[in-house]
Amino acid sequence: MTSTVSQSLQRSRALVHTMRGCQEVLDELLEASAVELVPAVGFFRSAEKDEEVAPSVVPAHLARTIGSRIRAHRERLGLTQNDLAVTTGIHRPNIARLEKGVGLPNLATVIKVANGLSVTLESLI
């Protein structure tokens, strides 16, 4: 094996290990907050039509809660929606949709926003 291929394999193994660790942390966080994840379809999922979510979690309510928390953190930092869009790489209209609670965002989106606001994932969920 060439050294380039060997190095790529080592980096890939390290990334897989890191991802597994992140998944374990997320599983613990979600278990602690009694929220179950369902697979995301696209950027947003319908908050009203999703019946696969655990009965104790109302998707529309969760979407509005996440949205209001995003807006509160953004305003606390004195950021505009455009500022947050630039920081996260999420288009400004989608930031607006997130804040309105129009649809339940997937986990990757919530993580991007949490990082952009320099807050924990827990503080948004």
Protein backbone atom coordinates (compact mmCIF):
# COMPACT_ATOMS: atom_id res chain seq x y z
CA MET A 1 0.00 0.00 0.00
CA THR A 2 1.23 3.47 -0.78
CA SER A 3 1.79 5.88 2.07
CA THR A 4 -0.97 8.18 0.77
CA VAL A 5 -3.52 5.37 0.84
CA SER A 6 -2.30 4.27 4.25
CA GLN A 7 -2.61 7.81 5.61
CA SER A 8 -6.12 8.12 4.16
CA LEU A 9 -7.15 4.89 5.82
CA GLN A 10 -5.77 6.05 9.15
CA ARG A 11 -7.64 9.36 8.87
CA SER A 12 -10.82 7.50 7.93
CA ARG A 13 -10.51 5.19 10.93
CA ALA A 14 -9.95 8.18 13.21
CA LEU A 15 -13.03 9.93 11.79
CA VAL A 16 -15.18 6.83 12.26
CA HIS A 17 -13.99 6.59 15.86
CA THR A 18 -14.81 10.27 16.44
CA MET A 19 -18.25 9.88 14.84
CA ARG A 20 -19.04 6.89 17.05
CA GLY A 21 -18.05 8.92 20.10
CA CYS A 22 -20.29 11.79 18.98
CA GLN A 23 -23.17 9.39 18.43
CA GLU A 24 -22.76 8.01 21.95
CA VAL A 25 -22.83 11.54 23.40
CA LEU A 26 -25.91 12.44 21.35
CA ASP A 27 -27.64 9.24 22.41
CA GLU A 28 -26.97 10.11 26.07
CA LEU A 29 -28.24 13.67 25.59
CA LEU A 30 -31.39 12.54 23.86
CA GLU A 31 -32.04 9.83 26.41
CA ALA A 32 -31.63 12.37 29.20
CA SER A 33 -34.10 14.76 27.55
CA ALA A 34 -36.52 11.96 26.54
CA VAL A 35 -36.46 13.01 22.89
CA GLU A 36 -36.16 10.37 20.18
CA LEU A 37 -34.63 11.12 16.80
CA VAL A 38 -36.27 9.99 13.61
CA PRO A 39 -34.50 9.97 10.27
CA ALA A 40 -34.46 13.34 8.54
CA VAL A 41 -35.77 13.72 5.03
CA GLY A 42 -34.25 16.73 3.33
CA PHE A 43 -33.43 19.99 5.08
CA PHE A 44 -36.79 20.20 6.87
CA ARG A 45 -39.32 17.58 7.75
CA SER A 46 -43.00 18.15 8.20
CA ALA A 47 -43.68 18.86 11.86
CA GLU A 48 -47.40 18.11 11.58
CA LYS A 49 -47.43 14.86 9.56
CA ASP A 50 -44.68 12.85 11.24
CA GLU A 51 -46.19 9.97 13.18
CA GLU A 52 -42.95 8.03 13.78
CA VAL A 53 -41.91 10.30 16.66
CA ALA A 54 -42.29 9.00 20.20
CA PRO A 55 -45.77 9.76 21.55
CA SER A 56 -44.37 12.00 24.29
CA VAL A 57 -42.82 14.36 21.71
CA VAL A 58 -45.06 16.63 19.67
CA PRO A 59 -43.01 17.54 16.56
CA ALA A 60 -44.76 20.86 15.94
CA HIS A 61 -44.15 21.91 19.55
CA LEU A 62 -40.50 20.80 19.37
CA ALA A 63 -40.03 22.76 16.11
CA ARG A 64 -41.46 25.93 17.69
CA THR A 65 -39.36 25.44 20.84
CA ILE A 66 -36.14 25.03 18.86
CA GLY A 67 -37.06 28.04 16.72
CA SER A 68 -37.76 30.34 19.63
CA ARG A 69 -34.53 29.30 21.34
CA ILE A 70 -32.52 29.93 18.16
CA ARG A 71 -34.03 33.40 17.88
CA ALA A 72 -33.43 34.18 21.56
CA HIS A 73 -29.76 33.17 21.36
CA ARG A 74 -29.29 35.05 18.08
CA GLU A 75 -30.83 38.24 19.46
CA ARG A 76 -28.86 37.91 22.71
CA LEU A 77 -25.69 37.92 20.62
CA GLY A 78 -26.90 40.90 18.59
CA LEU A 79 -26.82 38.94 15.34
CA THR A 80 -29.15 39.34 12.39
CA GLN A 81 -30.56 36.36 10.57
CA ASN A 82 -28.14 37.17 7.77
CA ASP A 83 -25.19 37.14 10.20
CA LEU A 84 -26.24 33.69 11.43
CA ALA A 85 -26.71 32.50 7.85
CA VAL A 86 -23.16 33.53 6.97
CA THR A 87 -21.77 31.89 10.10
CA THR A 88 -23.61 28.59 9.63
CA GLY A 89 -23.73 28.31 5.84
CA ILE A 90 -27.52 27.99 6.03
CA HIS A 91 -29.44 30.33 3.73
CA ARG A 92 -31.17 33.24 5.48
CA PRO A 93 -34.71 32.20 4.44
CA ASN A 94 -34.08 28.83 6.07
CA ILE A 95 -32.90 30.57 9.25
CA ALA A 96 -36.22 32.44 9.23
CA ARG A 97 -38.12 29.16 8.76
CA LEU A 98 -36.18 27.60 11.63
CA GLU A 99 -37.04 30.50 13.94
CA LYS A 100 -40.73 30.35 12.99
CA GLY A 101 -40.84 26.62 13.72
CA VAL A 102 -42.21 25.90 10.25
CA GLY A 103 -40.60 22.47 10.08
CA LEU A 104 -38.60 20.22 12.33
CA PRO A 105 -34.92 20.60 11.38
CA ASN A 106 -32.67 17.59 11.09
CA LEU A 107 -29.92 17.01 13.64
CA ALA A 108 -27.13 18.24 11.35
CA THR A 109 -28.92 21.57 10.93
CA VAL A 110 -29.42 22.03 14.67
CA ILE A 111 -25.74 21.25 15.26
CA LYS A 112 -24.69 23.84 12.64
CA VAL A 113 -26.88 26.47 14.29
CA ALA A 114 -25.66 25.58 17.79
CA ASN A 115 -22.07 25.94 16.59
CA GLY A 116 -22.88 29.22 14.83
CA LEU A 117 -24.39 30.60 18.03
CA SER A 118 -21.64 29.10 20.22
CA VAL A 119 -24.19 27.31 22.38
CA THR A 120 -24.72 23.68 23.28
CA LEU A 121 -27.07 21.43 21.39
CA GLU A 122 -28.97 20.94 24.63
CA SER A 123 -29.76 24.64 24.89
CA LEU A 124 -31.63 24.51 21.59
CA ILE A 125 -33.51 21.26 22.19
